Amino acid sequence: MSALTSLYPHLAPKAPDGAKLDAALREALLAKCRDSVEVKSRFFETHTNDVLRAAHLLADSYRGGGRLYTMGNGGSSCDAAHIAVEFQHPVTAGRPALPAQNLAQDMAMMSAVGNDVGFGEVFARQMPGLLRRGDVAFGVSTSGNSANVLRGLEVAHGLGARTLALAGGA
């Protein structure tokens, strides 16, 4: 069995028994769901006070006229974009739109800095032209060691912005 068909048995030239495959896929889906719920529960049980502090920091920034800038790579960039959109386009009726931007959204900027200086500076180079004292820079990194996100947060802090990070790893 090839690597592809071992990961995706339904793509094999001779598909396995449909009922057995469906049972295995059903169990895999339920296991992933249980794991997702467990991870989220454990996170919020452990970090409730951290989340509250982050919410207060964001609220204080917005009350003072601040803006939110998010950043991340790959899937973390998608999460960072989602965070920004939740502030720009609140789906709850009656909530005002607030200024927020994902720094990975400008492909021309990302590719120019990546080409001319290096990918490690793609977020840091945007900070001086965008951030003001009191704004919030929010980095998302699944591994917890994305050099360009860490560098962006470092520059943001040096410019007087408030910094937040949602990072995995240990």
N, C-alpha and C. Protein backbone atom coordinates (compact mmCIF):
# COMPACT_ATOMS: atom_id res chain seq x y z
N MET A 1 0.85 -1.18 0.00
CA MET A 1 0.00 0.00 0.00
C MET A 1 0.90 1.24 0.00
N SER A 2 0.60 2.18 -0.87
CA SER A 2 1.41 3.40 -0.94
C SER A 2 1.11 4.29 0.26
N ALA A 3 1.98 5.29 0.45
CA ALA A 3 1.79 6.22 1.56
C ALA A 3 0.44 6.95 1.42
N LEU A 4 0.10 7.31 0.18
CA LEU A 4 -1.15 8.04 -0.04
C LEU A 4 -2.36 7.18 0.33
N THR A 5 -2.36 5.95 -0.13
CA THR A 5 -3.53 5.11 0.15
C THR A 5 -3.56 4.64 1.60
N SER A 6 -2.41 4.62 2.29
CA SER A 6 -2.46 4.28 3.71
C SER A 6 -3.08 5.42 4.51
N LEU A 7 -2.90 6.67 4.05
CA LEU A 7 -3.52 7.81 4.71
C LEU A 7 -4.96 8.02 4.26
N TYR A 8 -5.22 7.69 3.00
CA TYR A 8 -6.54 7.90 2.41
C TYR A 8 -6.98 6.60 1.73
N PRO A 9 -7.42 5.61 2.51
CA PRO A 9 -7.74 4.29 1.93
C PRO A 9 -8.84 4.35 0.88
N HIS A 10 -9.71 5.33 0.93
CA HIS A 10 -10.78 5.42 -0.06
C HIS A 10 -10.26 5.82 -1.45
N LEU A 11 -8.98 6.22 -1.54
CA LEU A 11 -8.39 6.55 -2.84
C LEU A 11 -7.67 5.38 -3.48
N ALA A 12 -7.62 4.24 -2.80
CA ALA A 12 -6.92 3.06 -3.32
C ALA A 12 -7.61 2.59 -4.61
N PRO A 13 -6.82 2.02 -5.55
CA PRO A 13 -7.43 1.53 -6.79
C PRO A 13 -8.58 0.55 -6.52
N LYS A 14 -8.40 -0.31 -5.54
CA LYS A 14 -9.46 -1.23 -5.15
C LYS A 14 -9.91 -0.78 -3.77
N ALA A 15 -11.01 -0.08 -3.73
CA ALA A 15 -11.50 0.47 -2.47
C ALA A 15 -11.81 -0.65 -1.48
N PRO A 16 -11.48 -0.41 -0.20
CA PRO A 16 -11.82 -1.41 0.82
C PRO A 16 -13.33 -1.49 1.00
N ASP A 17 -13.75 -2.49 1.73
CA ASP A 17 -15.18 -2.68 2.02
C ASP A 17 -15.78 -1.37 2.51
N GLY A 18 -16.82 -0.90 1.83
CA GLY A 18 -17.45 0.39 2.15
C GLY A 18 -17.92 0.50 3.58
N ALA A 19 -18.58 -0.51 4.10
CA ALA A 19 -19.12 -0.45 5.46
C ALA A 19 -17.99 -0.40 6.48
N LYS A 20 -16.93 -1.20 6.27
CA LYS A 20 -15.80 -1.19 7.21
C LYS A 20 -15.08 0.15 7.16
N LEU A 21 -14.90 0.67 5.94
CA LEU A 21 -14.24 1.97 5.79
C LEU A 21 -15.06 3.07 6.47
N ASP A 22 -16.36 3.07 6.24
CA ASP A 22 -17.21 4.08 6.87
C ASP A 22 -17.16 3.98 8.39
N ALA A 23 -17.14 2.79 8.92
CA ALA A 23 -17.07 2.60 10.38
C ALA A 23 -15.74 3.16 10.91
N ALA A 24 -14.65 2.88 10.21
CA ALA A 24 -13.34 3.38 10.64
C ALA A 24 -13.28 4.91 10.53
N LEU A 25 -13.82 5.45 9.45
CA LEU A 25 -13.83 6.91 9.29
C LEU A 25 -14.72 7.57 10.34
N ARG A 26 -15.86 6.98 10.63
CA ARG A 26 -16.77 7.50 11.65
C ARG A 26 -16.06 7.55 13.01
N GLU A 27 -15.37 6.47 13.36
CA GLU A 27 -14.66 6.43 14.64
C GLU A 27 -13.53 7.46 14.67
N ALA A 28 -12.83 7.63 13.54
CA ALA A 28 -11.76 8.63 13.48
C ALA A 28 -12.33 10.04 13.67
N LEU A 29 -13.46 10.32 13.05
CA LEU A 29 -14.09 11.64 13.21
C LEU A 29 -14.50 11.89 14.66
N LEU A 30 -15.11 10.89 15.29
CA LEU A 30 -15.52 11.05 16.68
C LEU A 30 -14.32 11.22 17.61
N ALA A 31 -13.24 10.48 17.33
CA ALA A 31 -12.02 10.61 18.15
C ALA A 31 -11.43 12.01 18.02
N LYS A 32 -11.41 12.55 16.79
CA LYS A 32 -10.90 13.91 16.59
C LYS A 32 -11.78 14.93 17.31
N CYS A 33 -13.08 14.72 17.28
CA CYS A 33 -14.00 15.62 17.97
C CYS A 33 -13.76 15.59 19.47
N ARG A 34 -13.63 14.39 20.04
CA ARG A 34 -13.37 14.27 21.49
C ARG A 34 -12.05 14.95 21.85
N ASP A 35 -11.04 14.74 21.03
CA ASP A 35 -9.73 15.35 21.29
C ASP A 35 -9.82 16.87 21.24
N SER A 36 -10.54 17.40 20.25
CA SER A 36 -10.70 18.85 20.11
C SER A 36 -11.38 19.45 21.34
N VAL A 37 -12.45 18.82 21.79
CA VAL A 37 -13.16 19.31 22.97
C VAL A 37 -12.25 19.26 24.20
N GLU A 38 -11.51 18.18 24.35
CA GLU A 38 -10.61 18.02 25.50
C GLU A 38 -9.52 19.10 25.50
N VAL A 39 -8.92 19.34 24.35
CA VAL A 39 -7.85 20.35 24.26
C VAL A 39 -8.41 21.73 24.61
N LYS A 40 -9.56 22.08 24.05
CA LYS A 40 -10.15 23.39 24.34
C LYS A 40 -10.52 23.52 25.82
N SER A 41 -11.11 22.50 26.39
CA SER A 41 -11.48 22.54 27.81
C SER A 41 -10.25 22.72 28.68
N ARG A 42 -9.21 21.95 28.38
CA ARG A 42 -7.97 22.04 29.17
C ARG A 42 -7.35 23.43 29.04
N PHE A 43 -7.36 23.98 27.83
CA PHE A 43 -6.79 25.32 27.61
C PHE A 43 -7.52 26.35 28.47
N PHE A 44 -8.84 26.39 28.38
CA PHE A 44 -9.58 27.42 29.09
C PHE A 44 -9.57 27.21 30.60
N GLU A 45 -9.52 25.96 31.06
CA GLU A 45 -9.38 25.72 32.50
C GLU A 45 -8.05 26.25 33.02
N THR A 46 -7.02 26.13 32.21
CA THR A 46 -5.68 26.56 32.61
C THR A 46 -5.45 28.05 32.39
N HIS A 47 -6.02 28.62 31.34
CA HIS A 47 -5.65 29.97 30.91
C HIS A 47 -6.79 30.99 30.95
N THR A 48 -7.82 30.73 31.72
CA THR A 48 -8.95 31.67 31.78
C THR A 48 -8.49 33.08 32.15
N ASN A 49 -7.66 33.19 33.16
CA ASN A 49 -7.20 34.53 33.58
C ASN A 49 -6.35 35.20 32.51
N ASP A 50 -5.56 34.43 31.78
CA ASP A 50 -4.76 35.00 30.68
C ASP A 50 -5.66 35.54 29.58
N VAL A 51 -6.71 34.79 29.25
CA VAL A 51 -7.66 35.24 28.21
C VAL A 51 -8.37 36.51 28.67
N LEU A 52 -8.76 36.57 29.92
CA LEU A 52 -9.40 37.79 30.45
C LEU A 52 -8.46 38.98 30.39
N ARG A 53 -7.19 38.78 30.76
CA ARG A 53 -6.21 39.88 30.69
C ARG A 53 -6.05 40.36 29.25
N ALA A 54 -6.00 39.42 28.30
CA ALA A 54 -5.88 39.80 26.89
C ALA A 54 -7.11 40.59 26.43
N ALA A 55 -8.30 40.16 26.86
CA ALA A 55 -9.52 40.88 26.49
C ALA A 55 -9.50 42.30 27.05
N HIS A 56 -9.07 42.45 28.29
CA HIS A 56 -8.99 43.79 28.90
C HIS A 56 -7.95 44.65 28.17
N LEU A 57 -6.81 44.05 27.81
CA LEU A 57 -5.78 44.79 27.09
C LEU A 57 -6.32 45.30 25.75
N LEU A 58 -7.03 44.44 25.01
CA LEU A 58 -7.62 44.86 23.74
C LEU A 58 -8.67 45.94 23.95
N ALA A 59 -9.53 45.76 24.93
CA ALA A 59 -10.57 46.76 25.20
C ALA A 59 -9.94 48.11 25.56
N ASP A 60 -8.92 48.10 26.39
CA ASP A 60 -8.23 49.34 26.76
C ASP A 60 -7.63 50.02 25.54
N SER A 61 -7.03 49.22 24.67
CA SER A 61 -6.44 49.78 23.45
C SER A 61 -7.51 50.43 22.58
N TYR A 62 -8.60 49.71 22.35
CA TYR A 62 -9.67 50.26 21.51
C TYR A 62 -10.30 51.51 22.14
N ARG A 63 -10.47 51.52 23.46
CA ARG A 63 -11.01 52.71 24.13
C ARG A 63 -10.11 53.91 23.91
N GLY A 64 -8.81 53.68 23.79
CA GLY A 64 -7.85 54.76 23.58
C GLY A 64 -7.60 55.07 22.11
N GLY A 65 -8.41 54.52 21.22
CA GLY A 65 -8.26 54.79 19.79
C GLY A 65 -7.27 53.86 19.10
N GLY A 66 -6.87 52.78 19.77
CA GLY A 66 -5.91 51.85 19.20
C GLY A 66 -6.50 50.94 18.13
N ARG A 67 -5.60 50.24 17.48
CA ARG A 67 -5.96 49.30 16.41
C ARG A 67 -5.28 47.97 16.70
N LEU A 68 -5.77 46.93 16.05
CA LEU A 68 -5.23 45.59 16.21
C LEU A 68 -4.55 45.14 14.92
N TYR A 69 -3.35 44.60 15.05
CA TYR A 69 -2.62 44.01 13.93
C TYR A 69 -2.29 42.57 14.30
N THR A 70 -2.67 41.64 13.44
CA THR A 70 -2.43 40.22 13.70
C THR A 70 -1.42 39.67 12.69
N MET A 71 -0.77 38.56 13.07
CA MET A 71 0.22 37.96 12.17
C MET A 71 0.40 36.49 12.52
N GLY A 72 0.76 35.72 11.52
CA GLY A 72 1.04 34.30 11.68
C GLY A 72 1.44 33.72 10.35
N ASN A 73 1.87 32.47 10.34
CA ASN A 73 2.30 31.77 9.13
C ASN A 73 1.39 30.57 8.87
N GLY A 74 1.12 30.28 7.61
CA GLY A 74 0.35 29.09 7.26
C GLY A 74 -1.01 29.08 7.93
N GLY A 75 -1.34 27.97 8.60
CA GLY A 75 -2.61 27.87 9.30
C GLY A 75 -2.75 28.92 10.38
N SER A 76 -1.65 29.28 11.02
CA SER A 76 -1.69 30.33 12.04
C SER A 76 -2.01 31.68 11.42
N SER A 77 -1.61 31.89 10.17
CA SER A 77 -1.98 33.12 9.47
C SER A 77 -3.48 33.15 9.24
N CYS A 78 -4.05 31.99 8.93
CA CYS A 78 -5.51 31.91 8.76
C CYS A 78 -6.20 32.23 10.08
N ASP A 79 -5.67 31.72 11.19
CA ASP A 79 -6.24 32.04 12.50
C ASP A 79 -6.09 33.53 12.80
N ALA A 80 -4.94 34.10 12.48
CA ALA A 80 -4.72 35.53 12.70
C ALA A 80 -5.68 36.36 11.85
N ALA A 81 -5.91 35.94 10.61
CA ALA A 81 -6.86 36.64 9.75
C ALA A 81 -8.27 36.56 10.33
N HIS A 82 -8.62 35.39 10.85
CA HIS A 82 -9.95 35.21 11.44
C HIS A 82 -10.14 36.14 12.64
N ILE A 83 -9.12 36.25 13.47
CA ILE A 83 -9.19 37.15 14.63
C ILE A 83 -9.44 38.58 14.16
N ALA A 84 -8.68 39.03 13.16
CA ALA A 84 -8.86 40.39 12.66
C ALA A 84 -10.27 40.60 12.11
N VAL A 85 -10.77 39.63 11.35
CA VAL A 85 -12.10 39.77 10.77
C VAL A 85 -13.18 39.84 11.84
N GLU A 86 -12.99 39.13 12.94
CA GLU A 86 -13.99 39.18 14.02
C GLU A 86 -14.14 40.60 14.57
N PHE A 87 -13.08 41.40 14.51
CA PHE A 87 -13.17 42.78 14.96
C PHE A 87 -13.65 43.70 13.85
N GLN A 88 -13.22 43.46 12.62
CA GLN A 88 -13.61 44.30 11.48
C GLN A 88 -15.08 44.11 11.11
N HIS A 89 -15.55 42.89 11.22
CA HIS A 89 -16.90 42.54 10.77
C HIS A 89 -17.59 41.72 11.85
N PRO A 90 -18.00 42.37 12.93
CA PRO A 90 -18.63 41.62 14.01
C PRO A 90 -20.00 41.09 13.57
N VAL A 91 -20.22 39.81 13.78
CA VAL A 91 -21.48 39.21 13.34
C VAL A 91 -22.59 39.39 14.37
N THR A 92 -22.23 39.78 15.58
CA THR A 92 -23.23 40.03 16.60
C THR A 92 -23.85 41.40 16.36
N ALA A 93 -25.15 41.43 16.21
CA ALA A 93 -25.86 42.69 15.94
C ALA A 93 -25.58 43.69 17.05
N GLY A 94 -25.35 44.92 16.65
CA GLY A 94 -25.14 45.98 17.61
C GLY A 94 -23.70 46.23 18.01
N ARG A 95 -22.80 45.33 17.61
CA ARG A 95 -21.39 45.55 17.93
C ARG A 95 -20.77 46.42 16.84
N PRO A 96 -19.97 47.40 17.21
CA PRO A 96 -19.34 48.24 16.18
C PRO A 96 -18.15 47.52 15.54
N ALA A 97 -17.89 47.85 14.30
CA ALA A 97 -16.67 47.38 13.64
C ALA A 97 -15.50 48.13 14.25
N LEU A 98 -14.41 47.41 14.48
CA LEU A 98 -13.21 48.00 15.06
C LEU A 98 -12.03 47.80 14.12
N PRO A 99 -11.07 48.73 14.11
CA PRO A 99 -9.95 48.61 13.19
C PRO A 99 -9.02 47.44 13.53
N ALA A 100 -8.86 46.55 12.57
CA ALA A 100 -8.00 45.38 12.74
C ALA A 100 -7.51 44.95 11.36
N GLN A 101 -6.28 44.45 11.31
CA GLN A 101 -5.69 44.06 10.03
C GLN A 101 -4.74 42.89 10.25
N ASN A 102 -4.83 41.91 9.36
CA ASN A 102 -3.87 40.80 9.36
C ASN A 102 -2.69 41.21 8.49
N LEU A 103 -1.49 41.21 9.05
CA LEU A 103 -0.32 41.70 8.33
C LEU A 103 0.12 40.79 7.18
N ALA A 104 -0.43 39.59 7.09
CA ALA A 104 -0.08 38.70 5.98
C ALA A 104 -0.98 38.92 4.77
N GLN A 105 -1.93 39.83 4.86
CA GLN A 105 -2.88 40.00 3.76
C GLN A 105 -2.29 40.74 2.55
N ASP A 106 -1.22 41.48 2.72
CA ASP A 106 -0.65 42.25 1.62
C ASP A 106 0.47 41.44 0.96
N MET A 107 0.12 40.73 -0.09
CA MET A 107 1.08 39.84 -0.77
C MET A 107 2.24 40.61 -1.39
N ALA A 108 1.98 41.82 -1.88
CA ALA A 108 3.08 42.61 -2.46
C ALA A 108 4.11 42.95 -1.38
N MET A 109 3.63 43.36 -0.22
CA MET A 109 4.54 43.68 0.88
C MET A 109 5.29 42.43 1.34
N MET A 110 4.56 41.34 1.53
CA MET A 110 5.17 40.10 2.00
C MET A 110 6.26 39.63 1.03
N SER A 111 5.96 39.64 -0.26
CA SER A 111 6.94 39.14 -1.23
C SER A 111 8.10 40.12 -1.41
N ALA A 112 7.84 41.41 -1.32
CA ALA A 112 8.93 42.39 -1.45
C ALA A 112 9.91 42.26 -0.30
N VAL A 113 9.41 42.24 0.92
CA VAL A 113 10.29 42.12 2.09
C VAL A 113 10.97 40.75 2.09
N GLY A 114 10.20 39.70 1.79
CA GLY A 114 10.79 38.37 1.74
C GLY A 114 11.92 38.28 0.73
N ASN A 115 11.74 38.89 -0.42
CA ASN A 115 12.76 38.86 -1.47
C ASN A 115 13.95 39.76 -1.15
N ASP A 116 13.67 40.98 -0.70
CA ASP A 116 14.74 41.96 -0.52
C ASP A 116 15.51 41.82 0.79
N VAL A 117 14.83 41.41 1.84
CA VAL A 117 15.45 41.38 3.17
C VAL A 117 15.47 39.98 3.77
N GLY A 118 14.40 39.24 3.55
CA GLY A 118 14.27 37.90 4.12
C GLY A 118 12.93 37.72 4.80
N PHE A 119 12.44 36.50 4.76
CA PHE A 119 11.12 36.21 5.30
C PHE A 119 11.03 36.48 6.81
N GLY A 120 12.14 36.44 7.49
CA GLY A 120 12.15 36.70 8.92
C GLY A 120 11.74 38.12 9.29
N GLU A 121 11.71 39.01 8.31
CA GLU A 121 11.39 40.42 8.58
C GLU A 121 10.05 40.86 8.01
N VAL A 122 9.24 39.93 7.46
CA VAL A 122 8.01 40.34 6.77
C VAL A 122 7.01 41.05 7.66
N PHE A 123 6.98 40.74 8.94
CA PHE A 123 6.06 41.43 9.85
C PHE A 123 6.75 42.64 10.48
N ALA A 124 7.99 42.48 10.89
CA ALA A 124 8.73 43.56 11.54
C ALA A 124 8.82 44.80 10.65
N ARG A 125 9.02 44.62 9.36
CA ARG A 125 9.17 45.77 8.46
C ARG A 125 7.88 46.55 8.27
N GLN A 126 6.74 45.93 8.54
CA GLN A 126 5.47 46.64 8.41
C GLN A 126 5.15 47.50 9.63
N MET A 127 5.72 47.14 10.76
CA MET A 127 5.37 47.78 12.03
C MET A 127 5.59 49.30 12.06
N PRO A 128 6.77 49.80 11.68
CA PRO A 128 7.00 51.25 11.82
C PRO A 128 6.02 52.12 11.03
N GLY A 129 5.55 51.63 9.90
CA GLY A 129 4.62 52.41 9.10
C GLY A 129 3.17 52.31 9.54
N LEU A 130 2.86 51.33 10.38
CA LEU A 130 1.48 51.10 10.76
C LEU A 130 1.20 51.37 12.24
N LEU A 131 2.02 50.84 13.10
CA LEU A 131 1.73 50.86 14.53
C LEU A 131 1.95 52.21 15.17
N ARG A 132 1.06 52.48 16.12
CA ARG A 132 1.22 53.65 16.99
C ARG A 132 1.28 53.14 18.42
N ARG A 133 1.83 53.94 19.28
CA ARG A 133 1.85 53.60 20.71
C ARG A 133 0.42 53.30 21.15
N GLY A 134 0.24 52.18 21.84
CA GLY A 134 -1.08 51.79 22.33
C GLY A 134 -1.83 50.83 21.44
N ASP A 135 -1.39 50.66 20.18
CA ASP A 135 -2.00 49.64 19.32
C ASP A 135 -1.64 48.26 19.88
N VAL A 136 -2.28 47.23 19.35
CA VAL A 136 -2.00 45.87 19.78
C VAL A 136 -1.49 45.06 18.60
N ALA A 137 -0.36 44.38 18.80
CA ALA A 137 0.17 43.42 17.83
C ALA A 137 -0.08 42.03 18.42
N PHE A 138 -0.73 41.17 17.65
CA PHE A 138 -1.15 39.85 18.13
C PHE A 138 -0.54 38.80 17.21
N GLY A 139 0.41 38.03 17.75
CA GLY A 139 1.06 36.98 16.98
C GLY A 139 0.47 35.62 17.29
N VAL A 140 0.29 34.81 16.25
CA VAL A 140 -0.21 33.45 16.40
C VAL A 140 0.84 32.51 15.82
N SER A 141 1.25 31.52 16.62
CA SER A 141 2.27 30.56 16.18
C SER A 141 1.97 29.20 16.78
N THR A 142 1.64 28.24 15.94
CA THR A 142 1.34 26.89 16.42
C THR A 142 2.54 26.30 17.14
N SER A 143 3.73 26.50 16.59
CA SER A 143 4.93 25.93 17.19
C SER A 143 5.43 26.75 18.38
N GLY A 144 5.10 28.02 18.39
CA GLY A 144 5.59 28.91 19.44
C GLY A 144 6.97 29.47 19.14
N ASN A 145 7.55 29.13 17.99
CA ASN A 145 8.88 29.64 17.69
C ASN A 145 9.02 30.13 16.25
N SER A 146 7.97 30.73 15.73
CA SER A 146 8.03 31.32 14.39
C SER A 146 8.86 32.59 14.45
N ALA A 147 10.05 32.54 13.90
CA ALA A 147 11.00 33.65 14.04
C ALA A 147 10.44 34.98 13.55
N ASN A 148 9.71 34.97 12.44
CA ASN A 148 9.20 36.24 11.91
C ASN A 148 8.09 36.82 12.78
N VAL A 149 7.29 35.96 13.41
CA VAL A 149 6.24 36.44 14.33
C VAL A 149 6.90 37.00 15.59
N LEU A 150 7.86 36.28 16.12
CA LEU A 150 8.57 36.76 17.31
C LEU A 150 9.27 38.09 17.03
N ARG A 151 9.88 38.20 15.86
CA ARG A 151 10.55 39.45 15.48
C ARG A 151 9.54 40.59 15.34
N GLY A 152 8.39 40.30 14.75
CA GLY A 152 7.34 41.31 14.63
C GLY A 152 6.88 41.80 15.99
N LEU A 153 6.69 40.88 16.93
CA LEU A 153 6.27 41.26 18.28
C LEU A 153 7.35 42.08 18.98
N GLU A 154 8.61 41.72 18.76
CA GLU A 154 9.72 42.47 19.35
C GLU A 154 9.73 43.92 18.85
N VAL A 155 9.59 44.10 17.55
CA VAL A 155 9.59 45.46 16.98
C VAL A 155 8.36 46.22 17.46
N ALA A 156 7.20 45.56 17.50
CA ALA A 156 5.98 46.22 17.97
C ALA A 156 6.15 46.71 19.40
N HIS A 157 6.70 45.87 20.24
CA HIS A 157 6.93 46.25 21.64
C HIS A 157 7.85 47.47 21.71
N GLY A 158 8.91 47.46 20.92
CA GLY A 158 9.84 48.58 20.89
C GLY A 158 9.21 49.88 20.43
N LEU A 159 8.13 49.78 19.65
CA LEU A 159 7.43 50.97 19.16
C LEU A 159 6.34 51.43 20.13
N GLY A 160 6.21 50.74 21.26
CA GLY A 160 5.22 51.14 22.26
C GLY A 160 3.86 50.48 22.09
N ALA A 161 3.77 49.50 21.21
CA ALA A 161 2.51 48.77 21.06
C ALA A 161 2.41 47.73 22.16
N ARG A 162 1.20 47.33 22.44
CA ARG A 162 0.96 46.22 23.36
C ARG A 162 1.05 44.94 22.54
N THR A 163 1.54 43.89 23.13
CA THR A 163 1.72 42.65 22.38
C THR A 163 1.01 41.49 23.07
N LEU A 164 0.43 40.65 22.22
CA LEU A 164 -0.20 39.42 22.65
C LEU A 164 0.30 38.29 21.76
N ALA A 165 0.31 37.10 22.29
CA ALA A 165 0.68 35.94 21.47
C ALA A 165 -0.17 34.75 21.89
N LEU A 166 -0.56 33.98 20.90
CA LEU A 166 -1.21 32.70 21.11
C LEU A 166 -0.26 31.68 20.47
N ALA A 167 0.42 30.93 21.32
CA ALA A 167 1.50 30.08 20.82
C ALA A 167 1.43 28.68 21.41
N GLY A 168 1.74 27.71 20.58
CA GLY A 168 1.82 26.33 21.05
C GLY A 168 3.25 26.02 21.45
N GLY A 169 3.54 24.74 21.56
CA GLY A 169 4.88 24.32 21.95
C GLY A 169 5.04 24.40 23.46
N ALA A 170 6.22 24.02 23.88
CA ALA A 170 6.46 24.04 25.34
C ALA A 170 7.72 24.80 25.66
